[in-house]
Amino acid sequence: MRILLGMTVLFAAACAGTSQARSSGGPAPGCDTECLSAAARSYWSALLSHDAGRLKSAPGLVFTENNVVLRTDQGLWQTIGSAEDRDIVFTDVPQGTVATTAVITEGSRPALLLARLKVAGGAITEIETVVARKETSTFLRPEGWYESRTLLTRTVAPASQRPRPALIAAAEDYFNRIVDPSQPMPPLDPQCNRIENGLRTTNNPDPFPGITPPPLSPAISRLGCEEQFQRKALGFISRVRDRRYVLVDEPHGVVLSMVMFDHDGVAPAQASPGQAQARLSSPLPSPYSFVVAELFKIEAGKIVLVQALLTQVPYGLHTAW
């Protein structure tokens, strides 16, 4: 009986450890950079053939699309037509995670996709996808998604690389400042740019040529990252929650964060007309949230690029992860 009880306790502890590792993005050893890259190639091959059976996946594979748990014969697995530039891959060997992104089509309609894969022992255990489609995404401009491809994918010089905790801290500072102007300014490079759903929303004096009035004020989009923080241009975001730093690629200086943005619908009513016009987005007088996949490129401790994929969801939607 004592032996049986001891085995039960050990089994329960092991299960608790597994659960904790999954919820916190803990390490999943046994897959090097090439193994993770092969998992990404396997994912694209299976997705484009509409056949998840071609995946090397573990039993109990968890799949989400825009924060909703689905089967791997639903959602994009049915509708994807093509994928361009899907060779862009970032890997995190200690965490057993790989991220890949592409401009895709569904029928004749373009969309943007970012996928995070968790791999253990060469088998995929989790697939988390964010898909930005025209109906639910702000400023969707697929043709601009890779405007900064060279910058995003270049290897950071060894002297300018930073360890995992420092890279995560820089991204955390960015989110903290969004919702609280009293927080320190994040470590922004003077040449920092932000790209949202393919549209460069910084240092861009004419984001919508020929469109009057433009959906995004040139008075704001022409500013740099730090200037926009100083003007509180991101003030329509009332909360940044469920922050997960799911991948850190130190050689490339890339951090991938999955977060939820909330807009509570209150801030516009409290702002003066001048303040409302100074905001990056045009908040509706009603609450809504965004599922956000945010890539930070960090060199020498400074954020040089923020590339965000975001899509609107019901206000307060709980994270599936």
Protein backbone atom coordinates (compact mmCIF):
# COMPACT_ATOMS: atom_id res chain seq x y z
CA MET A 1 0.00 0.00 0.00
CA ARG A 2 2.84 2.39 0.87
CA ILE A 3 4.54 1.64 -2.43
CA LEU A 4 1.29 2.19 -4.32
CA LEU A 5 0.69 5.47 -2.46
CA GLY A 6 4.21 6.64 -3.22
CA MET A 7 3.82 5.85 -6.91
CA THR A 8 0.51 7.76 -6.96
CA VAL A 9 2.13 10.84 -5.41
CA LEU A 10 5.03 10.71 -7.87
CA PHE A 11 2.62 10.33 -10.80
CA ALA A 12 0.53 13.29 -9.61
CA ALA A 13 3.65 15.41 -9.22
CA ALA A 14 4.78 14.50 -12.72
CA CYS A 15 1.38 15.42 -14.15
CA ALA A 16 1.42 18.73 -12.29
CA GLY A 17 4.87 19.47 -13.66
CA THR A 18 3.73 18.72 -17.20
CA SER A 19 0.69 20.96 -16.80
CA GLN A 20 2.80 23.78 -15.40
CA ALA A 21 5.33 23.50 -18.23
CA ARG A 22 2.59 23.74 -20.83
CA SER A 23 0.87 26.74 -19.26
CA SER A 24 4.14 28.64 -18.73
CA GLY A 25 5.81 27.75 -22.01
CA GLY A 26 8.38 25.59 -20.20
CA PRO A 27 11.20 23.72 -21.89
CA ALA A 28 10.54 20.85 -24.25
CA PRO A 29 13.99 19.32 -24.85
CA GLY A 30 15.01 17.06 -27.68
CA CYS A 31 14.58 19.27 -30.76
CA ASP A 32 17.43 21.37 -32.17
CA THR A 33 17.19 24.25 -34.66
CA GLU A 34 16.96 21.95 -37.69
CA CYS A 35 14.37 19.78 -35.98
CA LEU A 36 12.23 22.85 -35.23
CA SER A 37 12.64 24.17 -38.78
CA ALA A 38 11.58 20.76 -40.10
CA ALA A 39 8.45 20.95 -37.95
CA ALA A 40 7.62 24.32 -39.54
CA ARG A 41 8.07 22.86 -43.03
CA SER A 42 5.88 19.93 -42.06
CA TYR A 43 3.21 22.32 -40.84
CA TRP A 44 3.13 24.27 -44.11
CA SER A 45 3.05 21.10 -46.18
CA ALA A 46 0.13 19.70 -44.18
CA LEU A 47 -1.77 23.00 -44.05
CA LEU A 48 -1.50 23.69 -47.79
CA SER A 49 -2.63 20.15 -48.57
CA HIS A 50 -5.56 20.52 -46.11
CA ASP A 51 -4.41 17.33 -44.42
CA ALA A 52 -3.33 17.46 -40.77
CA GLY A 53 -2.64 13.74 -41.02
CA ARG A 54 0.63 14.65 -42.69
CA LEU A 55 1.85 16.30 -39.50
CA LYS A 56 4.21 14.53 -37.14
CA SER A 57 2.05 15.40 -34.17
CA ALA A 58 1.72 14.12 -30.63
CA PRO A 59 -1.51 12.61 -29.27
CA GLY A 60 -3.73 15.33 -27.87
CA LEU A 61 -2.42 18.06 -30.20
CA VAL A 62 -3.97 21.43 -29.25
CA PHE A 63 -4.83 23.80 -32.13
CA THR A 64 -6.22 27.32 -31.90
CA GLU A 65 -7.10 29.90 -34.51
CA ASN A 66 -7.55 33.46 -33.24
CA ASN A 67 -7.79 32.18 -29.68
CA VAL A 68 -10.49 29.59 -30.37
CA VAL A 69 -9.80 25.88 -29.92
CA LEU A 70 -10.63 24.02 -33.14
CA ARG A 71 -10.03 20.67 -34.77
CA THR A 72 -7.33 20.43 -37.41
CA ASP A 73 -9.96 20.02 -40.11
CA GLN A 74 -11.59 23.37 -39.36
CA GLY A 75 -10.88 27.04 -39.99
CA LEU A 76 -7.83 27.78 -42.08
CA TRP A 77 -7.20 24.08 -42.60
CA GLN A 78 -10.18 24.15 -44.95
CA THR A 79 -9.84 27.59 -46.55
CA ILE A 80 -6.15 28.32 -47.20
CA GLY A 81 -5.19 28.59 -50.83
CA SER A 82 -1.54 29.67 -50.96
CA ALA A 83 1.27 30.98 -48.76
CA GLU A 84 4.10 33.30 -49.78
CA ASP A 85 7.47 33.77 -48.04
CA ARG A 86 6.79 30.95 -45.63
CA ASP A 87 10.52 30.35 -45.24
CA ILE A 88 10.66 33.00 -42.49
CA VAL A 89 11.18 30.97 -39.33
CA PHE A 90 12.33 31.79 -35.79
CA THR A 91 13.36 29.10 -33.34
CA ASP A 92 13.72 28.79 -29.57
CA VAL A 93 15.52 25.53 -28.82
CA PRO A 94 15.36 25.72 -25.00
CA GLN A 95 11.56 26.11 -25.17
CA GLY A 96 11.04 23.71 -28.08
CA THR A 97 9.18 26.42 -30.02
CA VAL A 98 9.21 27.58 -33.62
CA ALA A 99 7.30 30.48 -35.20
CA THR A 100 6.59 30.99 -38.87
CA THR A 101 4.65 33.64 -40.76
CA ALA A 102 3.37 34.21 -44.29
CA VAL A 103 1.06 36.17 -46.55
CA ILE A 104 -1.70 33.74 -47.45
CA THR A 105 -4.83 33.60 -49.56
CA GLU A 106 -8.30 32.24 -48.91
CA GLY A 107 -9.91 32.04 -52.31
CA SER A 108 -8.92 35.33 -53.95
CA ARG A 109 -8.68 37.21 -50.63
CA PRO A 110 -5.29 37.89 -49.01
CA ALA A 111 -4.72 37.47 -45.29
CA LEU A 112 -1.81 37.28 -42.88
CA LEU A 113 -0.86 34.29 -40.74
CA LEU A 114 1.54 33.72 -37.87
CA ALA A 115 1.84 30.25 -36.36
CA ARG A 116 3.55 29.11 -33.17
CA LEU A 117 4.41 25.43 -32.91
CA LYS A 118 5.43 23.63 -29.73
CA VAL A 119 7.58 20.57 -30.41
CA ALA A 120 8.60 17.76 -28.07
CA GLY A 121 10.65 14.80 -29.21
CA GLY A 122 10.21 15.90 -32.81
CA ALA A 123 6.40 15.80 -32.55
CA ILE A 124 4.15 18.88 -32.62
CA THR A 125 2.10 19.22 -29.44
CA GLU A 126 0.61 22.72 -29.91
CA ILE A 127 -0.32 24.92 -32.88
CA GLU A 128 -1.35 28.47 -32.06
CA THR A 129 -2.30 30.64 -35.03
CA VAL A 130 -3.30 34.25 -35.49
CA VAL A 131 -4.96 35.06 -38.81
CA ALA A 132 -5.61 38.67 -39.82
CA ARG A 133 -8.50 38.90 -42.27
CA LYS A 134 -10.10 41.96 -43.81
CA GLU A 135 -13.34 41.63 -41.86
CA THR A 136 -11.80 41.84 -38.39
CA SER A 137 -8.36 43.42 -38.79
CA THR A 138 -7.27 47.04 -38.66
CA PHE A 139 -5.20 48.49 -41.51
CA LEU A 140 -4.81 45.13 -43.28
CA ARG A 141 -2.12 45.54 -45.94
CA PRO A 142 -0.65 42.11 -46.71
CA GLU A 143 1.71 43.48 -49.35
CA GLY A 144 3.53 45.47 -46.66
CA TRP A 145 3.99 42.64 -44.16
CA TYR A 146 7.59 42.04 -45.24
CA GLU A 147 8.61 45.65 -45.68
CA SER A 148 11.25 45.06 -42.98
CA ARG A 149 12.02 41.43 -43.84
CA THR A 150 15.77 42.02 -44.10
CA LEU A 151 15.90 43.73 -40.71
CA LEU A 152 13.67 41.18 -39.02
CA THR A 153 15.57 38.11 -40.24
CA ARG A 154 19.17 39.27 -40.05
CA THR A 155 21.40 37.76 -37.40
CA VAL A 156 22.41 40.21 -34.69
CA ALA A 157 26.14 40.78 -34.32
CA PRO A 158 27.44 38.91 -31.24
CA ALA A 159 28.40 42.16 -29.49
CA SER A 160 24.85 43.44 -29.92
CA GLN A 161 23.05 40.27 -28.79
CA ARG A 162 21.31 40.24 -25.43
CA PRO A 163 20.32 37.29 -23.21
CA ARG A 164 16.76 36.00 -22.97
CA PRO A 165 15.77 37.89 -19.77
CA ALA A 166 16.91 41.23 -21.21
CA LEU A 167 15.01 40.69 -24.46
CA ILE A 168 11.81 39.80 -22.62
CA ALA A 169 12.24 42.79 -20.28
CA ALA A 170 12.41 45.17 -23.26
CA ALA A 171 9.13 43.81 -24.64
CA GLU A 172 7.53 43.97 -21.19
CA ASP A 173 8.57 47.63 -20.84
CA TYR A 174 6.86 48.33 -24.17
CA PHE A 175 3.54 46.89 -23.01
CA ASN A 176 3.78 48.57 -19.60
CA ARG A 177 4.17 52.00 -21.18
CA ILE A 178 1.21 51.48 -23.52
CA VAL A 179 -1.26 51.40 -20.66
CA ASP A 180 0.58 53.57 -18.12
CA PRO A 181 2.32 56.77 -19.32
CA SER A 182 4.00 57.07 -15.91
CA GLN A 183 6.06 53.94 -16.64
CA PRO A 184 9.60 54.36 -18.01
CA MET A 185 9.98 54.75 -21.75
CA PRO A 186 10.84 51.38 -23.30
CA PRO A 187 14.32 51.02 -24.83
CA LEU A 188 13.45 52.29 -28.32
CA ASP A 189 16.03 52.77 -31.04
CA PRO A 190 15.81 56.22 -32.69
CA GLN A 191 15.09 54.43 -36.00
CA CYS A 192 12.41 52.19 -34.49
CA ASN A 193 9.38 51.40 -36.63
CA ARG A 194 6.11 49.59 -35.99
CA ILE A 195 4.24 47.60 -38.63
CA GLU A 196 0.64 46.61 -37.92
CA ASN A 197 -1.00 44.06 -40.19
CA GLY A 198 1.40 45.11 -42.93
CA LEU A 199 0.99 48.89 -42.57
CA ARG A 200 3.89 50.95 -41.24
CA THR A 201 2.30 53.18 -38.62
CA THR A 202 5.46 55.12 -37.72
CA ASN A 203 7.66 57.47 -39.77
CA ASN A 204 5.04 57.30 -42.49
CA PRO A 205 3.64 60.71 -43.55
CA ASP A 206 1.24 59.26 -46.13
CA PRO A 207 -0.08 55.88 -44.96
CA PHE A 208 -3.13 55.90 -47.28
CA PRO A 209 -2.24 57.71 -50.51
CA GLY A 210 -5.27 59.16 -52.29
CA ILE A 211 -7.75 58.28 -49.54
CA THR A 212 -9.59 61.19 -47.91
CA PRO A 213 -10.07 61.21 -45.02
CA PRO A 214 -7.40 58.59 -44.28
CA PRO A 215 -8.24 55.86 -41.73
CA LEU A 216 -5.01 56.78 -39.92
CA SER A 217 -4.02 60.39 -39.24
CA PRO A 218 -0.75 61.33 -40.98
CA ALA A 219 -0.09 63.69 -38.07
CA ILE A 220 0.40 60.58 -35.93
CA SER A 221 1.78 58.07 -38.43
CA ARG A 222 4.61 60.46 -39.37
CA LEU A 223 5.96 60.30 -35.80
CA GLY A 224 8.56 57.84 -34.56
CA CYS A 225 7.96 55.17 -31.91
CA GLU A 226 9.07 57.31 -28.97
CA GLU A 227 7.21 60.39 -30.16
CA GLN A 228 3.99 58.39 -30.38
CA PHE A 229 4.45 57.21 -26.81
CA GLN A 230 5.00 60.80 -25.73
CA ARG A 231 1.78 61.84 -27.51
CA LYS A 232 -0.10 58.89 -25.95
CA ALA A 233 -1.09 57.77 -29.43
CA LEU A 234 -1.66 54.22 -28.20
CA GLY A 235 -3.96 55.41 -25.43
CA PHE A 236 -7.00 53.66 -26.88
CA ILE A 237 -5.60 50.41 -25.41
CA SER A 238 -6.90 50.25 -21.84
CA ARG A 239 -5.31 46.95 -20.86
CA VAL A 240 -2.62 44.57 -22.12
CA ARG A 241 -3.34 41.21 -20.51
CA ASP A 242 -2.45 37.54 -20.70
CA ARG A 243 1.08 38.38 -21.79
CA ARG A 244 3.04 35.33 -22.90
CA TYR A 245 6.58 35.48 -24.23
CA VAL A 246 6.37 32.26 -26.19
CA LEU A 247 9.59 32.46 -28.18
CA VAL A 248 12.98 34.11 -27.77
CA ASP A 249 15.41 33.76 -30.68
CA GLU A 250 18.59 35.27 -29.23
CA PRO A 251 20.77 35.09 -32.39
CA HIS A 252 18.12 37.07 -34.30
CA GLY A 253 17.21 39.31 -31.36
CA VAL A 254 13.53 38.36 -31.78
CA VAL A 255 10.89 38.01 -29.09
CA LEU A 256 7.42 36.72 -29.95
CA SER A 257 4.71 37.74 -27.51
CA MET A 258 1.10 36.59 -27.58
CA VAL A 259 -1.16 39.04 -25.74
CA MET A 260 -4.68 40.37 -25.52
CA PHE A 261 -5.40 44.10 -25.99
CA ASP A 262 -8.59 45.51 -24.46
CA HIS A 263 -10.32 48.76 -25.43
CA ASP A 264 -12.91 49.47 -22.76
CA GLY A 265 -14.88 52.04 -24.77
CA VAL A 266 -14.42 54.68 -22.05
CA ALA A 267 -11.27 56.51 -23.04
CA PRO A 268 -12.69 58.28 -26.15
CA ALA A 269 -15.56 59.75 -24.14
CA GLN A 270 -13.09 61.20 -21.64
CA ALA A 271 -10.69 62.64 -24.20
CA SER A 272 -10.81 66.11 -25.61
CA PRO A 273 -11.31 66.45 -29.39
CA GLY A 274 -7.62 67.21 -29.82
CA GLN A 275 -6.60 64.14 -27.83
CA ALA A 276 -8.96 61.90 -29.75
CA GLN A 277 -7.40 62.98 -33.05
CA ALA A 278 -3.95 62.26 -31.64
CA ARG A 279 -4.65 58.57 -31.24
CA LEU A 280 -3.14 56.02 -33.55
CA SER A 281 -6.44 54.24 -34.05
CA SER A 282 -9.98 55.60 -34.08
CA PRO A 283 -11.59 53.88 -31.10
CA LEU A 284 -15.25 53.10 -31.25
CA PRO A 285 -17.36 54.22 -28.26
CA SER A 286 -17.86 50.57 -27.36
CA PRO A 287 -15.65 47.84 -25.90
CA TYR A 288 -13.69 45.37 -27.99
CA SER A 289 -10.48 43.33 -27.73
CA PHE A 290 -7.67 42.18 -30.00
CA VAL A 291 -5.74 38.94 -30.20
CA VAL A 292 -2.18 40.09 -30.85
CA ALA A 293 0.97 38.31 -32.03
CA GLU A 294 3.80 40.80 -31.63
CA LEU A 295 7.35 40.32 -32.90
CA PHE A 296 10.02 42.53 -31.33
CA LYS A 297 13.39 42.95 -33.04
CA ILE A 298 16.01 44.03 -30.50
CA GLU A 299 19.62 44.95 -31.22
CA ALA A 300 22.11 46.22 -28.63
CA GLY A 301 19.27 46.32 -26.13
CA LYS A 302 17.14 48.66 -28.27
CA ILE A 303 13.83 47.87 -29.96
CA VAL A 304 14.36 48.57 -33.66
CA LEU A 305 11.15 47.01 -34.99
CA VAL A 306 7.73 46.01 -33.68
CA GLN A 307 5.79 43.86 -36.13
CA ALA A 308 2.26 43.14 -34.95
CA LEU A 309 -0.46 40.87 -36.26
CA LEU A 310 -3.79 41.59 -34.62
CA THR A 311 -7.42 40.76 -35.15
CA GLN A 312 -10.53 41.96 -33.34
CA VAL A 313 -12.47 39.64 -31.02
CA PRO A 314 -15.31 40.12 -28.50
CA TYR A 315 -14.44 42.29 -25.53
CA GLY A 316 -12.85 40.42 -22.65
CA LEU A 317 -12.45 37.14 -24.52
CA HIS A 318 -10.52 34.74 -22.30
CA THR A 319 -7.29 33.35 -23.65
CA ALA A 320 -7.39 29.73 -24.71
CA TRP A 321 -3.80 29.37 -23.52
